[in-house]
Amino acid sequence: PSRIEYAIQTIAFGESLCMTFLAGEVCADYGLRLKSE
């Protein structure tokens, strides 16, 4: 293999909540960055 197929999923409830699901063992930098952006 020369790549991995990486799954990203989102479930949003209107404008009240957005849940993002990232595959694999994701480090804290991602959650902190996304919550800043």
PDB file of all heavy atoms in Angstrom:
ATOM      1  N   PRO A   1       0.825  -1.215   0.000  1.00  0.00           N
ATOM      2  CA  PRO A   1       0.000   0.000   0.000  1.00  0.00           C
ATOM      3  C   PRO A   1       0.854   1.257   0.000  1.00  0.00           C
ATOM      4  O   PRO A   1       1.879   1.331   0.681  1.00  0.00           O
ATOM      5  CB  PRO A   1      -0.811  -0.124   1.290  1.00  0.00           C
ATOM      6  CG  PRO A   1      -0.035  -1.062   2.156  1.00  0.00           C
ATOM      7  CD  PRO A   1       0.644  -2.015   1.225  1.00  0.00           C
ATOM      8  N   SER A   2       0.407   2.243  -0.766  1.00  0.00           N
ATOM      9  CA  SER A   2       1.109   3.524  -0.830  1.00  0.00           C
ATOM     10  C   SER A   2       0.282   4.650  -0.222  1.00  0.00           C
ATOM     11  O   SER A   2       0.697   5.804  -0.229  1.00  0.00           O
ATOM     12  CB  SER A   2       1.432   3.872  -2.287  1.00  0.00           C
ATOM     13  OG  SER A   2       0.242   3.950  -3.059  1.00  0.00           O
ATOM     14  N   ARG A   3      -0.888   4.322   0.310  1.00  0.00           N
ATOM     15  CA  ARG A   3      -1.782   5.312   0.901  1.00  0.00           C
ATOM     16  C   ARG A   3      -2.737   4.590   1.840  1.00  0.00           C
ATOM     17  O   ARG A   3      -2.833   3.356   1.826  1.00  0.00           O
ATOM     18  CB  ARG A   3      -2.598   6.014  -0.192  1.00  0.00           C
ATOM     19  CG  ARG A   3      -3.476   5.036  -0.971  1.00  0.00           C
ATOM     20  CD  ARG A   3      -4.300   5.698  -2.052  1.00  0.00           C
ATOM     21  NE  ARG A   3      -5.107   4.721  -2.771  1.00  0.00           N
ATOM     22  CZ  ARG A   3      -6.295   4.275  -2.371  1.00  0.00           C
ATOM     23  NH1 ARG A   3      -6.813   4.740  -1.226  1.00  0.00           N
ATOM     24  NH2 ARG A   3      -6.970   3.408  -3.072  1.00  0.00           N
ATOM     25  N   ILE A   4      -3.434   5.348   2.658  1.00  0.00           N
ATOM     26  CA  ILE A   4      -4.550   4.787   3.392  1.00  0.00           C
ATOM     27  C   ILE A   4      -5.814   5.544   2.993  1.00  0.00           C
ATOM     28  O   ILE A   4      -5.773   6.746   2.668  1.00  0.00           O
ATOM     29  CB  ILE A   4      -4.349   4.844   4.918  1.00  0.00           C
ATOM     30  CG1 ILE A   4      -4.285   6.282   5.422  1.00  0.00           C
ATOM     31  CG2 ILE A   4      -3.109   4.084   5.345  1.00  0.00           C
ATOM     32  CD1 ILE A   4      -4.339   6.381   6.940  1.00  0.00           C
ATOM     33  N   GLU A   5      -6.919   4.822   2.984  1.00  0.00           N
ATOM     34  CA  GLU A   5      -8.219   5.432   2.723  1.00  0.00           C
ATOM     35  C   GLU A   5      -8.766   5.895   4.067  1.00  0.00           C
ATOM     36  O   GLU A   5      -9.000   5.094   4.976  1.00  0.00           O
ATOM     37  CB  GLU A   5      -9.158   4.407   2.082  1.00  0.00           C
ATOM     38  CG  GLU A   5     -10.502   4.970   1.671  1.00  0.00           C
ATOM     39  CD  GLU A   5     -11.400   3.912   1.036  1.00  0.00           C
ATOM     40  OE1 GLU A   5     -11.085   2.708   1.181  1.00  0.00           O
ATOM     41  OE2 GLU A   5     -12.410   4.289   0.413  1.00  0.00           O
ATOM     42  N   TYR A   6      -8.972   7.187   4.189  1.00  0.00           N
ATOM     43  CA  TYR A   6      -9.259   7.786   5.495  1.00  0.00           C
ATOM     44  C   TYR A   6     -10.685   8.306   5.541  1.00  0.00           C
ATOM     45  O   TYR A   6     -11.090   9.159   4.746  1.00  0.00           O
ATOM     46  CB  TYR A   6      -8.266   8.912   5.773  1.00  0.00           C
ATOM     47  CG  TYR A   6      -8.374   9.457   7.176  1.00  0.00           C
ATOM     48  CD1 TYR A   6      -7.890   8.723   8.259  1.00  0.00           C
ATOM     49  CD2 TYR A   6      -8.982  10.683   7.422  1.00  0.00           C
ATOM     50  CE1 TYR A   6      -7.990   9.209   9.552  1.00  0.00           C
ATOM     51  CE2 TYR A   6      -9.087  11.182   8.712  1.00  0.00           C
ATOM     52  CZ  TYR A   6      -8.596  10.437   9.768  1.00  0.00           C
ATOM     53  OH  TYR A   6      -8.695  10.913  11.047  1.00  0.00           O
ATOM     54  N   ALA A   7     -11.465   7.810   6.517  1.00  0.00           N
ATOM     55  CA  ALA A   7     -12.881   8.157   6.621  1.00  0.00           C
ATOM     56  C   ALA A   7     -13.106   9.355   7.539  1.00  0.00           C
ATOM     57  O   ALA A   7     -12.551   9.423   8.637  1.00  0.00           O
ATOM     58  CB  ALA A   7     -13.674   6.960   7.133  1.00  0.00           C
ATOM     59  N   ILE A   8     -13.938  10.279   7.077  1.00  0.00           N
ATOM     60  CA  ILE A   8     -14.363  11.446   7.854  1.00  0.00           C
ATOM     61  C   ILE A   8     -15.882  11.551   7.728  1.00  0.00           C
ATOM     62  O   ILE A   8     -16.425  11.447   6.626  1.00  0.00           O
ATOM     63  CB  ILE A   8     -13.687  12.736   7.361  1.00  0.00           C
ATOM     64  CG1 ILE A   8     -12.166  12.624   7.489  1.00  0.00           C
ATOM     65  CG2 ILE A   8     -14.209  13.957   8.124  1.00  0.00           C
ATOM     66  CD1 ILE A   8     -11.409  13.800   6.900  1.00  0.00           C
ATOM     67  N   GLN A   9     -16.556  11.751   8.846  1.00  0.00           N
ATOM     68  CA  GLN A   9     -18.011  11.755   8.861  1.00  0.00           C
ATOM     69  C   GLN A   9     -18.517  12.896   9.735  1.00  0.00           C
ATOM     70  O   GLN A   9     -17.867  13.274  10.714  1.00  0.00           O
ATOM     71  CB  GLN A   9     -18.527  10.414   9.395  1.00  0.00           C
ATOM     72  CG  GLN A   9     -20.001  10.152   9.215  1.00  0.00           C
ATOM     73  CD  GLN A   9     -20.345   8.695   9.491  1.00  0.00           C
ATOM     74  OE1 GLN A   9     -19.502   7.910   9.920  1.00  0.00           O
ATOM     75  NE2 GLN A   9     -21.583   8.315   9.230  1.00  0.00           N
ATOM     76  N   THR A  10     -19.662  13.444   9.369  1.00  0.00           N
ATOM     77  CA  THR A  10     -20.255  14.555  10.109  1.00  0.00           C
ATOM     78  C   THR A  10     -21.750  14.330  10.266  1.00  0.00           C
ATOM     79  O   THR A  10     -22.420  13.910   9.318  1.00  0.00           O
ATOM     80  CB  THR A  10     -20.014  15.896   9.383  1.00  0.00           C
ATOM     81  OG1 THR A  10     -18.606  16.124   9.275  1.00  0.00           O
ATOM     82  CG2 THR A  10     -20.639  17.051  10.138  1.00  0.00           C
ATOM     83  N   ILE A  11     -22.260  14.585  11.459  1.00  0.00           N
ATOM     84  CA  ILE A  11     -23.702  14.577  11.705  1.00  0.00           C
ATOM     85  C   ILE A  11     -24.052  15.912  12.348  1.00  0.00           C
ATOM     86  O   ILE A  11     -23.525  16.258  13.415  1.00  0.00           O
ATOM     87  CB  ILE A  11     -24.131  13.423  12.627  1.00  0.00           C
ATOM     88  CG1 ILE A  11     -23.786  12.067  11.990  1.00  0.00           C
ATOM     89  CG2 ILE A  11     -25.634  13.496  12.915  1.00  0.00           C
ATOM     90  CD1 ILE A  11     -24.056  10.874  12.902  1.00  0.00           C
ATOM     91  N   ALA A  12     -24.936  16.675  11.689  1.00  0.00           N
ATOM     92  CA  ALA A  12     -25.342  17.984  12.197  1.00  0.00           C
ATOM     93  C   ALA A  12     -26.832  17.973  12.506  1.00  0.00           C
ATOM     94  O   ALA A  12     -27.628  17.382  11.771  1.00  0.00           O
ATOM     95  CB  ALA A  12     -25.023  19.071  11.178  1.00  0.00           C
ATOM     96  N   PHE A  13     -27.208  18.630  13.599  1.00  0.00           N
ATOM     97  CA  PHE A  13     -28.601  18.788  13.993  1.00  0.00           C
ATOM     98  C   PHE A  13     -28.982  20.246  13.789  1.00  0.00           C
ATOM     99  O   PHE A  13     -28.755  21.090  14.672  1.00  0.00           O
ATOM    100  CB  PHE A  13     -28.788  18.373  15.450  1.00  0.00           C
ATOM    101  CG  PHE A  13     -28.566  16.907  15.704  1.00  0.00           C
ATOM    102  CD1 PHE A  13     -27.283  16.414  15.907  1.00  0.00           C
ATOM    103  CD2 PHE A  13     -29.624  16.019  15.702  1.00  0.00           C
ATOM    104  CE1 PHE A  13     -27.066  15.058  16.137  1.00  0.00           C
ATOM    105  CE2 PHE A  13     -29.425  14.665  15.923  1.00  0.00           C
ATOM    106  CZ  PHE A  13     -28.149  14.174  16.129  1.00  0.00           C
ATOM    107  N   GLY A  14     -29.539  20.546  12.612  1.00  0.00           N
ATOM    108  CA  GLY A  14     -29.869  21.923  12.297  1.00  0.00           C
ATOM    109  C   GLY A  14     -28.667  22.813  12.506  1.00  0.00           C
ATOM    110  O   GLY A  14     -27.578  22.543  11.980  1.00  0.00           O
ATOM    111  N   GLU A  15     -28.861  23.864  13.285  1.00  0.00           N
ATOM    112  CA  GLU A  15     -27.759  24.766  13.622  1.00  0.00           C
ATOM    113  C   GLU A  15     -27.357  24.648  15.093  1.00  0.00           C
ATOM    114  O   GLU A  15     -26.627  25.495  15.613  1.00  0.00           O
ATOM    115  CB  GLU A  15     -28.156  26.215  13.314  1.00  0.00           C
ATOM    116  CG  GLU A  15     -28.444  26.454  11.838  1.00  0.00           C
ATOM    117  CD  GLU A  15     -28.760  27.903  11.532  1.00  0.00           C
ATOM    118  OE1 GLU A  15     -28.605  28.745  12.442  1.00  0.00           O
ATOM    119  OE2 GLU A  15     -29.178  28.189  10.390  1.00  0.00           O
ATOM    120  N   SER A  16     -27.802  23.553  15.780  1.00  0.00           N
ATOM    121  CA  SER A  16     -27.573  23.463  17.209  1.00  0.00           C
ATOM    122  C   SER A  16     -26.328  22.663  17.580  1.00  0.00           C
ATOM    123  O   SER A  16     -25.701  22.935  18.603  1.00  0.00           O
ATOM    124  CB  SER A  16     -28.790  22.859  17.916  1.00  0.00           C
ATOM    125  OG  SER A  16     -29.126  21.600  17.359  1.00  0.00           O
ATOM    126  N   LEU A  17     -25.947  21.653  16.772  1.00  0.00           N
ATOM    127  CA  LEU A  17     -24.791  20.818  17.106  1.00  0.00           C
ATOM    128  C   LEU A  17     -24.256  20.149  15.851  1.00  0.00           C
ATOM    129  O   LEU A  17     -25.030  19.653  15.024  1.00  0.00           O
ATOM    130  CB  LEU A  17     -25.182  19.735  18.121  1.00  0.00           C
ATOM    131  CG  LEU A  17     -24.094  18.714  18.492  1.00  0.00           C
ATOM    132  CD1 LEU A  17     -22.923  19.402  19.198  1.00  0.00           C
ATOM    133  CD2 LEU A  17     -24.659  17.611  19.371  1.00  0.00           C
ATOM    134  N   CYS A  18     -22.930  20.120  15.733  1.00  0.00           N
ATOM    135  CA  CYS A  18     -22.264  19.417  14.643  1.00  0.00           C
ATOM    136  C   CYS A  18     -21.258  18.445  15.238  1.00  0.00           C
ATOM    137  O   CYS A  18     -20.351  18.844  15.968  1.00  0.00           O
ATOM    138  CB  CYS A  18     -21.553  20.391  13.705  1.00  0.00           C
ATOM    139  SG  CYS A  18     -20.802  19.589  12.265  1.00  0.00           S
ATOM    140  N   MET A  19     -21.436  17.163  14.932  1.00  0.00           N
ATOM    141  CA  MET A  19     -20.540  16.113  15.421  1.00  0.00           C
ATOM    142  C   MET A  19     -19.646  15.659  14.276  1.00  0.00           C
ATOM    143  O   MET A  19     -20.133  15.298  13.201  1.00  0.00           O
ATOM    144  CB  MET A  19     -21.354  14.925  15.946  1.00  0.00           C
ATOM    145  CG  MET A  19     -22.394  15.308  16.973  1.00  0.00           C
ATOM    146  SD  MET A  19     -23.556  13.957  17.366  1.00  0.00           S
ATOM    147  CE  MET A  19     -22.519  12.923  18.411  1.00  0.00           C
ATOM    148  N   THR A  20     -18.343  15.676  14.503  1.00  0.00           N
ATOM    149  CA  THR A  20     -17.372  15.242  13.501  1.00  0.00           C
ATOM    150  C   THR A  20     -16.664  13.994  14.001  1.00  0.00           C
ATOM    151  O   THR A  20     -16.226  13.941  15.157  1.00  0.00           O
ATOM    152  CB  THR A  20     -16.354  16.349  13.212  1.00  0.00           C
ATOM    153  OG1 THR A  20     -17.014  17.437  12.552  1.00  0.00           O
ATOM    154  CG2 THR A  20     -15.237  15.856  12.312  1.00  0.00           C
ATOM    155  N   PHE A  21     -16.540  12.998  13.120  1.00  0.00           N
ATOM    156  CA  PHE A  21     -15.948  11.712  13.470  1.00  0.00           C
ATOM    157  C   PHE A  21     -14.734  11.459  12.575  1.00  0.00           C
ATOM    158  O   PHE A  21     -14.864  11.404  11.346  1.00  0.00           O
ATOM    159  CB  PHE A  21     -16.960  10.586  13.292  1.00  0.00           C
ATOM    160  CG  PHE A  21     -18.195  10.738  14.138  1.00  0.00           C
ATOM    161  CD1 PHE A  21     -19.279  11.476  13.676  1.00  0.00           C
ATOM    162  CD2 PHE A  21     -18.275  10.152  15.397  1.00  0.00           C
ATOM    163  CE1 PHE A  21     -20.427  11.619  14.448  1.00  0.00           C
ATOM    164  CE2 PHE A  21     -19.410  10.290  16.176  1.00  0.00           C
ATOM    165  CZ  PHE A  21     -20.489  11.026  15.699  1.00  0.00           C
ATOM    166  N   LEU A  22     -13.558  11.302  13.196  1.00  0.00           N
ATOM    167  CA  LEU A  22     -12.311  11.089  12.466  1.00  0.00           C
ATOM    168  C   LEU A  22     -11.811   9.671  12.726  1.00  0.00           C
ATOM    169  O   LEU A  22     -11.826   9.199  13.862  1.00  0.00           O
ATOM    170  CB  LEU A  22     -11.250  12.093  12.914  1.00  0.00           C
ATOM    171  CG  LEU A  22     -11.621  13.570  12.777  1.00  0.00           C
ATOM    172  CD1 LEU A  22     -10.508  14.446  13.352  1.00  0.00           C
ATOM    173  CD2 LEU A  22     -11.888  13.936  11.330  1.00  0.00           C
ATOM    174  N   ALA A  23     -11.346   9.011  11.679  1.00  0.00           N
ATOM    175  CA  ALA A  23     -10.835   7.646  11.807  1.00  0.00           C
ATOM    176  C   ALA A  23      -9.457   7.640  12.464  1.00  0.00           C
ATOM    177  O   ALA A  23      -8.731   8.640  12.450  1.00  0.00           O
ATOM    178  CB  ALA A  23     -10.776   6.977  10.437  1.00  0.00           C
ATOM    179  N   GLY A  24      -9.105   6.483  13.021  1.00  0.00           N
ATOM    180  CA  GLY A  24      -7.763   6.275  13.525  1.00  0.00           C
ATOM    181  C   GLY A  24      -7.502   6.920  14.871  1.00  0.00           C
ATOM    182  O   GLY A  24      -8.384   7.490  15.518  1.00  0.00           O
ATOM    183  N   GLU A  25      -6.247   6.810  15.291  1.00  0.00           N
ATOM    184  CA  GLU A  25      -5.805   7.370  16.572  1.00  0.00           C
ATOM    185  C   GLU A  25      -5.344   8.804  16.347  1.00  0.00           C
ATOM    186  O   GLU A  25      -4.199   9.062  15.998  1.00  0.00           O
ATOM    187  CB  GLU A  25      -4.679   6.517  17.156  1.00  0.00           C
ATOM    188  CG  GLU A  25      -5.076   5.070  17.400  1.00  0.00           C
ATOM    189  CD  GLU A  25      -4.255   4.448  18.510  1.00  0.00           C
ATOM    190  OE1 GLU A  25      -4.120   5.078  19.579  1.00  0.00           O
ATOM    191  OE2 GLU A  25      -3.752   3.336  18.304  1.00  0.00           O
ATOM    192  N   VAL A  26      -6.253   9.727  16.569  1.00  0.00           N
ATOM    193  CA  VAL A  26      -6.030  11.127  16.218  1.00  0.00           C
ATOM    194  C   VAL A  26      -5.500  11.881  17.431  1.00  0.00           C
ATOM    195  O   VAL A  26      -6.009  11.763  18.535  1.00  0.00           O
ATOM    196  CB  VAL A  26      -7.342  11.771  15.742  1.00  0.00           C
ATOM    197  CG1 VAL A  26      -7.080  13.164  15.179  1.00  0.00           C
ATOM    198  CG2 VAL A  26      -8.021  10.885  14.692  1.00  0.00           C
ATOM    199  N   CYS A  27      -4.466  12.679  17.227  1.00  0.00           N
ATOM    200  CA  CYS A  27      -3.842  13.403  18.340  1.00  0.00           C
ATOM    201  C   CYS A  27      -4.630  14.661  18.693  1.00  0.00           C
ATOM    202  O   CYS A  27      -5.470  15.144  17.924  1.00  0.00           O
ATOM    203  CB  CYS A  27      -2.391  13.732  18.019  1.00  0.00           C
ATOM    204  SG  CYS A  27      -2.173  14.973  16.734  1.00  0.00           S
ATOM    205  N   ALA A  28      -4.328  15.209  19.863  1.00  0.00           N
ATOM    206  CA  ALA A  28      -5.088  16.340  20.402  1.00  0.00           C
ATOM    207  C   ALA A  28      -5.013  17.579  19.528  1.00  0.00           C
ATOM    208  O   ALA A  28      -5.938  18.401  19.531  1.00  0.00           O
ATOM    209  CB  ALA A  28      -4.588  16.671  21.807  1.00  0.00           C
ATOM    210  N   ASP A  29      -3.942  17.738  18.771  1.00  0.00           N
ATOM    211  CA  ASP A  29      -3.809  18.930  17.926  1.00  0.00           C
ATOM    212  C   ASP A  29      -5.009  19.115  17.003  1.00  0.00           C
ATOM    213  O   ASP A  29      -5.409  20.247  16.719  1.00  0.00           O
ATOM    214  CB  ASP A  29      -2.531  18.839  17.085  1.00  0.00           C
ATOM    215  CG  ASP A  29      -1.266  19.071  17.893  1.00  0.00           C
ATOM    216  OD1 ASP A  29      -1.380  19.342  19.100  1.00  0.00           O
ATOM    217  OD2 ASP A  29      -0.163  18.962  17.315  1.00  0.00           O
ATOM    218  N   TYR A  30      -5.588  18.011  16.519  1.00  0.00           N
ATOM    219  CA  TYR A  30      -6.714  18.117  15.582  1.00  0.00           C
ATOM    220  C   TYR A  30      -7.952  18.678  16.272  1.00  0.00           C
ATOM    221  O   TYR A  30      -8.604  19.599  15.752  1.00  0.00           O
ATOM    222  CB  TYR A  30      -7.025  16.753  14.962  1.00  0.00           C
ATOM    223  CG  TYR A  30      -6.039  16.344  13.897  1.00  0.00           C
ATOM    224  CD1 TYR A  30      -4.900  15.620  14.228  1.00  0.00           C
ATOM    225  CD2 TYR A  30      -6.243  16.687  12.563  1.00  0.00           C
ATOM    226  CE1 TYR A  30      -3.992  15.243  13.246  1.00  0.00           C
ATOM    227  CE2 TYR A  30      -5.345  16.313  11.582  1.00  0.00           C
ATOM    228  CZ  TYR A  30      -4.210  15.599  11.924  1.00  0.00           C
ATOM    229  OH  TYR A  30      -3.299  15.224  10.952  1.00  0.00           O
ATOM    230  N   GLY A  31      -8.308  18.102  17.420  1.00  0.00           N
ATOM    231  CA  GLY A  31      -9.476  18.608  18.113  1.00  0.00           C
ATOM    232  C   GLY A  31      -9.317  20.058  18.513  1.00  0.00           C
ATOM    233  O   GLY A  31     -10.235  20.880  18.356  1.00  0.00           O
ATOM    234  N   LEU A  32      -8.133  20.406  19.027  1.00  0.00           N
ATOM    235  CA  LEU A  32      -7.889  21.778  19.438  1.00  0.00           C
ATOM    236  C   LEU A  32      -7.914  22.730  18.247  1.00  0.00           C
ATOM    237  O   LEU A  32      -8.467  23.835  18.332  1.00  0.00           O
ATOM    238  CB  LEU A  32      -6.552  21.862  20.167  1.00  0.00           C
ATOM    239  CG  LEU A  32      -6.466  21.080  21.484  1.00  0.00           C
ATOM    240  CD1 LEU A  32      -5.025  21.075  22.002  1.00  0.00           C
ATOM    241  CD2 LEU A  32      -7.409  21.656  22.536  1.00  0.00           C
ATOM    242  N   ARG A  33      -7.341  22.301  17.134  1.00  0.00           N
ATOM    243  CA  ARG A  33      -7.338  23.168  15.954  1.00  0.00           C
ATOM    244  C   ARG A  33      -8.754  23.366  15.413  1.00  0.00           C
ATOM    245  O   ARG A  33      -9.162  24.495  15.112  1.00  0.00           O
ATOM    246  CB  ARG A  33      -6.438  22.576  14.864  1.00  0.00           C
ATOM    247  CG  ARG A  33      -6.508  23.374  13.560  1.00  0.00           C
ATOM    248  CD  ARG A  33      -5.553  22.870  12.507  1.00  0.00           C
ATOM    249  NE  ARG A  33      -5.766  23.605  11.259  1.00  0.00           N
ATOM    250  CZ  ARG A  33      -5.026  23.456  10.163  1.00  0.00           C
ATOM    251  NH1 ARG A  33      -4.017  22.596  10.162  1.00  0.00           N
ATOM    252  NH2 ARG A  33      -5.291  24.166   9.078  1.00  0.00           N
ATOM    253  N   LEU A  34      -9.511  22.272  15.273  1.00  0.00           N
ATOM    254  CA  LEU A  34     -10.855  22.396  14.717  1.00  0.00           C
ATOM    255  C   LEU A  34     -11.740  23.262  15.603  1.00  0.00           C
ATOM    256  O   LEU A  34     -12.555  24.044  15.107  1.00  0.00           O
ATOM    257  CB  LEU A  34     -11.463  21.016  14.521  1.00  0.00           C
ATOM    258  CG  LEU A  34     -10.848  20.189  13.389  1.00  0.00           C
ATOM    259  CD1 LEU A  34     -11.323  18.748  13.440  1.00  0.00           C
ATOM    260  CD2 LEU A  34     -11.170  20.816  12.027  1.00  0.00           C
ATOM    261  N   LYS A  35     -11.556  23.153  16.908  1.00  0.00           N
ATOM    262  CA  LYS A  35     -12.368  23.982  17.809  1.00  0.00           C
ATOM    263  C   LYS A  35     -11.928  25.438  17.786  1.00  0.00           C
ATOM    264  O   LYS A  35     -12.667  26.317  18.248  1.00  0.00           O
ATOM    265  CB  LYS A  35     -12.324  23.410  19.224  1.00  0.00           C
ATOM    266  CG  LYS A  35     -13.187  22.158  19.381  1.00  0.00           C
ATOM    267  CD  LYS A  35     -13.316  21.697  20.812  1.00  0.00           C
ATOM    268  CE  LYS A  35     -12.097  20.977  21.315  1.00  0.00           C
ATOM    269  NZ  LYS A  35     -12.346  20.348  22.647  1.00  0.00           N
ATOM    270  N   SER A  36     -10.747  25.706  17.262  1.00  0.00           N
ATOM    271  CA  SER A  36     -10.311  27.102  17.117  1.00  0.00           C
ATOM    272  C   SER A  36     -10.752  27.693  15.789  1.00  0.00           C
ATOM    273  O   SER A  36     -10.895  28.911  15.671  1.00  0.00           O
ATOM    274  CB  SER A  36      -8.783  27.191  17.239  1.00  0.00           C
ATOM    275  OG  SER A  36      -8.137  26.720  16.070  1.00  0.00           O
ATOM    276  N   GLU A  37     -10.959  26.843  14.790  1.00  0.00           N
ATOM    277  CA  GLU A  37     -11.327  27.333  13.462  1.00  0.00           C
ATOM    278  C   GLU A  37     -12.832  27.322  13.214  1.00  0.00           C
ATOM    279  O   GLU A  37     -13.314  28.030  12.321  1.00  0.00           O
ATOM    280  CB  GLU A  37     -10.630  26.489  12.385  1.00  0.00           C
ATOM    281  CG  GLU A  37      -9.123  26.612  12.396  1.00  0.00           C
ATOM    282  CD  GLU A  37      -8.436  25.814  11.297  1.00  0.00           C
ATOM    283  OE1 GLU A  37      -9.139  25.067  10.584  1.00  0.00           O
ATOM    284  OE2 GLU A  37      -7.216  25.938  11.163  1.00  0.00           O
TER     285      GLU A  37
END
